[in-house]
Amino acid sequence: TVYLQMNSLKPEDTAVYYCNAVVAEGSRSY
């Protein structure tokens, strides 16, 4: 699990938040 602790939130922080990972699988990355 990865976490994002968000403090002192502002209206401009409003968004959809996405988790991302680049994974090596064999000789390629996905």
All heavy atoms as atom14 arrays in JSON, in Angstrom:
{
  "sequence": "TVYLQMNSLKPEDTAVYYCNAVVAEGSRSY",
  "atom14_mask": [
    [1, 1, 1, 1, 1, 1, 1, 0, 0, 0, 0, 0, 0, 0],
    [1, 1, 1, 1, 1, 1, 1, 0, 0, 0, 0, 0, 0, 0],
    [1, 1, 1, 1, 1, 1, 1, 1, 1, 1, 1, 1, 0, 0],
    [1, 1, 1, 1, 1, 1, 1, 1, 0, 0, 0, 0, 0, 0],
    [1, 1, 1, 1, 1, 1, 1, 1, 1, 0, 0, 0, 0, 0],
    [1, 1, 1, 1, 1, 1, 1, 1, 0, 0, 0, 0, 0, 0],
    [1, 1, 1, 1, 1, 1, 1, 1, 0, 0, 0, 0, 0, 0],
    [1, 1, 1, 1, 1, 1, 0, 0, 0, 0, 0, 0, 0, 0],
    [1, 1, 1, 1, 1, 1, 1, 1, 0, 0, 0, 0, 0, 0],
    [1, 1, 1, 1, 1, 1, 1, 1, 1, 0, 0, 0, 0, 0],
    [1, 1, 1, 1, 1, 1, 1, 0, 0, 0, 0, 0, 0, 0],
    [1, 1, 1, 1, 1, 1, 1, 1, 1, 0, 0, 0, 0, 0],
    [1, 1, 1, 1, 1, 1, 1, 1, 0, 0, 0, 0, 0, 0],
    [1, 1, 1, 1, 1, 1, 1, 0, 0, 0, 0, 0, 0, 0],
    [1, 1, 1, 1, 1, 0, 0, 0, 0, 0, 0, 0, 0, 0],
    [1, 1, 1, 1, 1, 1, 1, 0, 0, 0, 0, 0, 0, 0],
    [1, 1, 1, 1, 1, 1, 1, 1, 1, 1, 1, 1, 0, 0],
    [1, 1, 1, 1, 1, 1, 1, 1, 1, 1, 1, 1, 0, 0],
    [1, 1, 1, 1, 1, 1, 0, 0, 0, 0, 0, 0, 0, 0],
    [1, 1, 1, 1, 1, 1, 1, 1, 0, 0, 0, 0, 0, 0],
    [1, 1, 1, 1, 1, 0, 0, 0, 0, 0, 0, 0, 0, 0],
    [1, 1, 1, 1, 1, 1, 1, 0, 0, 0, 0, 0, 0, 0],
    [1, 1, 1, 1, 1, 1, 1, 0, 0, 0, 0, 0, 0, 0],
    [1, 1, 1, 1, 1, 0, 0, 0, 0, 0, 0, 0, 0, 0],
    [1, 1, 1, 1, 1, 1, 1, 1, 1, 0, 0, 0, 0, 0],
    [1, 1, 1, 1, 0, 0, 0, 0, 0, 0, 0, 0, 0, 0],
    [1, 1, 1, 1, 1, 1, 0, 0, 0, 0, 0, 0, 0, 0],
    [1, 1, 1, 1, 1, 1, 1, 1, 1, 1, 1, 0, 0, 0],
    [1, 1, 1, 1, 1, 1, 0, 0, 0, 0, 0, 0, 0, 0],
    [1, 1, 1, 1, 1, 1, 1, 1, 1, 1, 1, 1, 0, 0]
  ],
  "atom14_positions": [
    [[0.82, -1.2, 0.0], [0.0, 0.0, 0.0], [0.86, 1.26, 0.0], [1.88, 1.32, 0.69], [-0.93, 0.02, 1.22], [-1.76, -1.15, 1.19], [-1.84, 1.24, 1.19], [0.0, 0.0, 0.0], [0.0, 0.0, 0.0], [0.0, 0.0, 0.0], [0.0, 0.0, 0.0], [0.0, 0.0, 0.0], [0.0, 0.0, 0.0], [0.0, 0.0, 0.0]],
    [[0.41, 2.24, -0.76], [1.01, 3.57, -0.79], [-0.03, 4.55, -0.26], [-1.22, 4.42, -0.55], [1.45, 3.96, -2.2], [2.03, 5.36, -2.23], [2.47, 2.96, -2.73], [0.0, 0.0, 0.0], [0.0, 0.0, 0.0], [0.0, 0.0, 0.0], [0.0, 0.0, 0.0], [0.0, 0.0, 0.0], [0.0, 0.0, 0.0], [0.0, 0.0, 0.0]],
    [[0.42, 5.52, 0.5], [-0.47, 6.49, 1.11], [-0.13, 7.9, 0.66], [1.01, 8.21, 0.3], [-0.37, 6.43, 2.63], [-0.64, 5.08, 3.22], [0.4, 4.21, 3.54], [-1.95, 4.66, 3.47], [0.15, 2.96, 4.08], [-2.21, 3.42, 4.01], [-1.16, 2.57, 4.32], [-1.41, 1.34, 4.86], [0.0, 0.0, 0.0], [0.0, 0.0, 0.0]],
    [[-1.12, 8.75, 0.72], [-0.92, 10.17, 0.53], [-1.66, 10.9, 1.64], [-2.89, 10.97, 1.62], [-1.41, 10.64, -0.84], [-1.13, 12.1, -1.18], [0.38, 12.33, -1.32], [-1.85, 12.53, -2.45], [0.0, 0.0, 0.0], [0.0, 0.0, 0.0], [0.0, 0.0, 0.0], [0.0, 0.0, 0.0], [0.0, 0.0, 0.0], [0.0, 0.0, 0.0]],
    [[-0.91, 11.4, 2.6], [-1.49, 12.19, 3.67], [-1.61, 13.63, 3.19], [-0.61, 14.23, 2.8], [-0.62, 12.12, 4.92], [-1.14, 12.96, 6.09], [-2.45, 12.45, 6.63], [-2.61, 11.26, 6.85], [-3.39, 13.36, 6.85], [0.0, 0.0, 0.0], [0.0, 0.0, 0.0], [0.0, 0.0, 0.0], [0.0, 0.0, 0.0], [0.0, 0.0, 0.0]],
    [[-2.8, 14.16, 3.23], [-3.09, 15.48, 2.7], [-3.56, 16.38, 3.84], [-4.63, 16.15, 4.4], [-4.15, 15.41, 1.61], [-3.84, 14.36, 0.53], [-5.28, 13.95, -0.49], [-5.51, 15.49, -1.36], [0.0, 0.0, 0.0], [0.0, 0.0, 0.0], [0.0, 0.0, 0.0], [0.0, 0.0, 0.0], [0.0, 0.0, 0.0], [0.0, 0.0, 0.0]],
    [[-2.76, 17.37, 4.17], [-3.1, 18.31, 5.23], [-3.27, 19.7, 4.66], [-2.83, 19.99, 3.55], [-2.0, 18.32, 6.3], [-1.82, 16.99, 6.98], [-2.77, 16.24, 7.18], [-0.59, 16.69, 7.37], [0.0, 0.0, 0.0], [0.0, 0.0, 0.0], [0.0, 0.0, 0.0], [0.0, 0.0, 0.0], [0.0, 0.0, 0.0], [0.0, 0.0, 0.0]],
    [[-3.89, 20.56, 5.44], [-4.1, 21.95, 5.04], [-4.69, 22.05, 3.64], [-4.22, 22.82, 2.8], [-2.78, 22.73, 5.13], [-2.25, 22.69, 6.43], [0.0, 0.0, 0.0], [0.0, 0.0, 0.0], [0.0, 0.0, 0.0], [0.0, 0.0, 0.0], [0.0, 0.0, 0.0], [0.0, 0.0, 0.0], [0.0, 0.0, 0.0], [0.0, 0.0, 0.0]],
    [[-5.71, 21.28, 3.41], [-6.29, 21.2, 2.07], [-6.9, 22.52, 1.63], [-7.48, 23.25, 2.43], [-7.32, 20.08, 2.02], [-6.72, 18.68, 1.95], [-7.74, 17.63, 2.33], [-6.18, 18.41, 0.55], [0.0, 0.0, 0.0], [0.0, 0.0, 0.0], [0.0, 0.0, 0.0], [0.0, 0.0, 0.0], [0.0, 0.0, 0.0], [0.0, 0.0, 0.0]],
    [[-6.76, 22.77, 0.35], [-7.27, 23.98, -0.27], [-8.27, 23.63, -1.36], [-8.22, 22.53, -1.91], [-6.12, 24.78, -0.9], [-5.0, 25.15, 0.06], [-3.85, 25.82, -0.7], [-2.72, 26.19, 0.24], [-1.59, 26.82, -0.5], [0.0, 0.0, 0.0], [0.0, 0.0, 0.0], [0.0, 0.0, 0.0], [0.0, 0.0, 0.0], [0.0, 0.0, 0.0]],
    [[-9.17, 24.54, -1.7], [-10.12, 24.26, -2.78], [-9.43, 23.84, -4.08], [-9.98, 23.01, -4.82], [-10.87, 25.57, -2.95], [-10.84, 26.17, -1.58], [-9.48, 25.82, -1.03], [0.0, 0.0, 0.0], [0.0, 0.0, 0.0], [0.0, 0.0, 0.0], [0.0, 0.0, 0.0], [0.0, 0.0, 0.0], [0.0, 0.0, 0.0], [0.0, 0.0, 0.0]],
    [[-8.27, 24.4, -4.36], [-7.56, 24.05, -5.58], [-6.99, 22.64, -5.58], [-6.49, 22.16, -6.6], [-6.45, 25.06, -5.89], [-5.52, 25.34, -4.72], [-5.89, 26.6, -3.96], [-7.08, 26.78, -3.66], [-4.98, 27.41, -3.66], [0.0, 0.0, 0.0], [0.0, 0.0, 0.0], [0.0, 0.0, 0.0], [0.0, 0.0, 0.0], [0.0, 0.0, 0.0]],
    [[-7.06, 21.96, -4.44], [-6.67, 20.56, -4.38], [-7.77, 19.64, -4.88], [-7.55, 18.43, -5.02], [-6.3, 20.16, -2.95], [-5.07, 20.88, -2.44], [-4.1, 21.04, -3.2], [-5.08, 21.28, -1.26], [0.0, 0.0, 0.0], [0.0, 0.0, 0.0], [0.0, 0.0, 0.0], [0.0, 0.0, 0.0], [0.0, 0.0, 0.0], [0.0, 0.0, 0.0]],
    [[-8.94, 20.18, -5.14], [-10.06, 19.39, -5.62], [-9.71, 18.74, -6.96], [-9.34, 19.42, -7.91], [-11.31, 20.25, -5.77], [-11.7, 20.74, -4.48], [-12.45, 19.45, -6.37], [0.0, 0.0, 0.0], [0.0, 0.0, 0.0], [0.0, 0.0, 0.0], [0.0, 0.0, 0.0], [0.0, 0.0, 0.0], [0.0, 0.0, 0.0], [0.0, 0.0, 0.0]],
    [[-9.82, 17.43, -7.01], [-9.46, 16.68, -8.21], [-9.74, 15.21, -7.98], [-10.03, 14.79, -6.85], [-7.97, 16.87, -8.55], [0.0, 0.0, 0.0], [0.0, 0.0, 0.0], [0.0, 0.0, 0.0], [0.0, 0.0, 0.0], [0.0, 0.0, 0.0], [0.0, 0.0, 0.0], [0.0, 0.0, 0.0], [0.0, 0.0, 0.0], [0.0, 0.0, 0.0]],
    [[-9.64, 14.44, -9.04], [-9.59, 13.0, -8.91], [-8.12, 12.61, -8.75], [-7.28, 13.02, -9.55], [-10.2, 12.29, -10.13], [-10.08, 10.77, -9.98], [-11.66, 12.68, -10.28], [0.0, 0.0, 0.0], [0.0, 0.0, 0.0], [0.0, 0.0, 0.0], [0.0, 0.0, 0.0], [0.0, 0.0, 0.0], [0.0, 0.0, 0.0], [0.0, 0.0, 0.0]],
    [[-7.84, 11.85, -7.73], [-6.47, 11.45, -7.43], [-6.25, 10.01, -7.87], [-7.06, 9.13, -7.56], [-6.18, 11.6, -5.94], [-5.97, 13.04, -5.53], [-7.03, 13.94, -5.5], [-4.69, 13.51, -5.2], [-6.83, 15.27, -5.16], [-4.49, 14.83, -4.85], [-5.56, 15.71, -4.83], [-5.36, 17.02, -4.48], [0.0, 0.0, 0.0], [0.0, 0.0, 0.0]],
    [[-5.16, 9.79, -8.57], [-4.85, 8.49, -9.14], [-3.51, 7.97, -8.62], [-2.54, 8.72, -8.51], [-4.75, 8.56, -10.66], [-6.03, 8.95, -11.36], [-6.29, 10.29, -11.65], [-6.96, 8.0, -11.73], [-7.46, 10.66, -12.3], [-8.13, 8.36, -12.39], [-8.37, 9.69, -12.67], [-9.53, 10.06, -13.32], [0.0, 0.0, 0.0], [0.0, 0.0, 0.0]],
    [[-3.47, 6.7, -8.36], [-2.23, 6.01, -8.03], [-1.64, 5.43, -9.31], [-2.38, 4.97, -10.19], [-2.53, 4.9, -7.02], [-1.1, 3.98, -6.45], [0.0, 0.0, 0.0], [0.0, 0.0, 0.0], [0.0, 0.0, 0.0], [0.0, 0.0, 0.0], [0.0, 0.0, 0.0], [0.0, 0.0, 0.0], [0.0, 0.0, 0.0], [0.0, 0.0, 0.0]],
    [[-0.33, 5.46, -9.41], [0.34, 5.0, -10.62], [1.57, 4.17, -10.26], [2.28, 4.46, -9.3], [0.76, 6.19, -11.48], [1.69, 5.82, -12.61], [2.9, 6.08, -12.54], [1.14, 5.22, -13.65], [0.0, 0.0, 0.0], [0.0, 0.0, 0.0], [0.0, 0.0, 0.0], [0.0, 0.0, 0.0], [0.0, 0.0, 0.0], [0.0, 0.0, 0.0]],
    [[1.8, 3.15, -11.07], [2.99, 2.33, -10.9], [3.51, 1.92, -12.27], [2.74, 1.54, -13.15], [2.7, 1.09, -10.06], [0.0, 0.0, 0.0], [0.0, 0.0, 0.0], [0.0, 0.0, 0.0], [0.0, 0.0, 0.0], [0.0, 0.0, 0.0], [0.0, 0.0, 0.0], [0.0, 0.0, 0.0], [0.0, 0.0, 0.0], [0.0, 0.0, 0.0]],
    [[4.8, 2.0, -12.45], [5.46, 1.48, -13.64], [6.15, 0.19, -13.24], [7.02, 0.19, -12.37], [6.46, 2.48, -14.23], [7.16, 1.88, -15.44], [5.75, 3.78, -14.61], [0.0, 0.0, 0.0], [0.0, 0.0, 0.0], [0.0, 0.0, 0.0], [0.0, 0.0, 0.0], [0.0, 0.0, 0.0], [0.0, 0.0, 0.0], [0.0, 0.0, 0.0]],
    [[5.76, -0.9, -13.9], [6.2, -2.23, -13.5], [6.99, -2.87, -14.62], [6.53, -2.91, -15.77], [5.0, -3.11, -13.12], [5.48, -4.51, -12.71], [4.2, -2.47, -12.0], [0.0, 0.0, 0.0], [0.0, 0.0, 0.0], [0.0, 0.0, 0.0], [0.0, 0.0, 0.0], [0.0, 0.0, 0.0], [0.0, 0.0, 0.0], [0.0, 0.0, 0.0]],
    [[8.14, -3.39, -14.28], [8.94, -4.14, -15.24], [8.42, -5.57, -15.33], [8.29, -6.26, -14.32], [10.41, -4.15, -14.82], [0.0, 0.0, 0.0], [0.0, 0.0, 0.0], [0.0, 0.0, 0.0], [0.0, 0.0, 0.0], [0.0, 0.0, 0.0], [0.0, 0.0, 0.0], [0.0, 0.0, 0.0], [0.0, 0.0, 0.0], [0.0, 0.0, 0.0]],
    [[8.1, -5.98, -16.54], [7.61, -7.33, -16.79], [8.41, -7.9, -17.96], [8.19, -7.55, -19.12], [6.11, -7.32, -17.1], [5.28, -6.8, -15.93], [3.81, -6.63, -16.27], [3.43, -6.83, -17.45], [3.03, -6.3, -15.36], [0.0, 0.0, 0.0], [0.0, 0.0, 0.0], [0.0, 0.0, 0.0], [0.0, 0.0, 0.0], [0.0, 0.0, 0.0]],
    [[9.34, -8.75, -17.64], [10.27, -9.21, -18.65], [11.17, -8.08, -19.09], [11.75, -7.37, -18.26], [0.0, 0.0, 0.0], [0.0, 0.0, 0.0], [0.0, 0.0, 0.0], [0.0, 0.0, 0.0], [0.0, 0.0, 0.0], [0.0, 0.0, 0.0], [0.0, 0.0, 0.0], [0.0, 0.0, 0.0], [0.0, 0.0, 0.0], [0.0, 0.0, 0.0]],
    [[11.25, -7.87, -20.38], [12.08, -6.8, -20.92], [11.33, -5.49, -21.11], [11.93, -4.51, -21.58], [12.68, -7.24, -22.25], [11.67, -7.5, -23.2], [0.0, 0.0, 0.0], [0.0, 0.0, 0.0], [0.0, 0.0, 0.0], [0.0, 0.0, 0.0], [0.0, 0.0, 0.0], [0.0, 0.0, 0.0], [0.0, 0.0, 0.0], [0.0, 0.0, 0.0]],
    [[10.05, -5.44, -20.75], [9.23, -4.26, -20.95], [8.75, -3.67, -19.63], [8.71, -4.35, -18.62], [8.02, -4.58, -21.82], [8.35, -4.97, -23.25], [7.08, -5.2, -24.03], [7.33, -5.43, -25.44], [6.39, -5.6, -26.35], [5.12, -5.59, -25.99], [6.71, -5.81, -27.61], [0.0, 0.0, 0.0], [0.0, 0.0, 0.0], [0.0, 0.0, 0.0]],
    [[8.39, -2.4, -19.71], [7.78, -1.72, -18.58], [6.35, -1.34, -18.94], [6.07, -0.95, -20.07], [8.58, -0.48, -18.21], [9.85, -0.83, -17.72], [0.0, 0.0, 0.0], [0.0, 0.0, 0.0], [0.0, 0.0, 0.0], [0.0, 0.0, 0.0], [0.0, 0.0, 0.0], [0.0, 0.0, 0.0], [0.0, 0.0, 0.0], [0.0, 0.0, 0.0]],
    [[5.46, -1.46, -17.97], [4.05, -1.16, -18.18], [3.57, -0.16, -17.14], [3.98, -0.21, -15.98], [3.21, -2.43, -18.11], [3.54, -3.41, -19.21], [4.56, -4.34, -19.05], [2.83, -3.4, -20.4], [4.87, -5.23, -20.06], [3.13, -4.29, -21.42], [4.15, -5.21, -21.24], [4.46, -6.1, -22.25], [0.0, 0.0, 0.0], [0.0, 0.0, 0.0]]
  ]
}
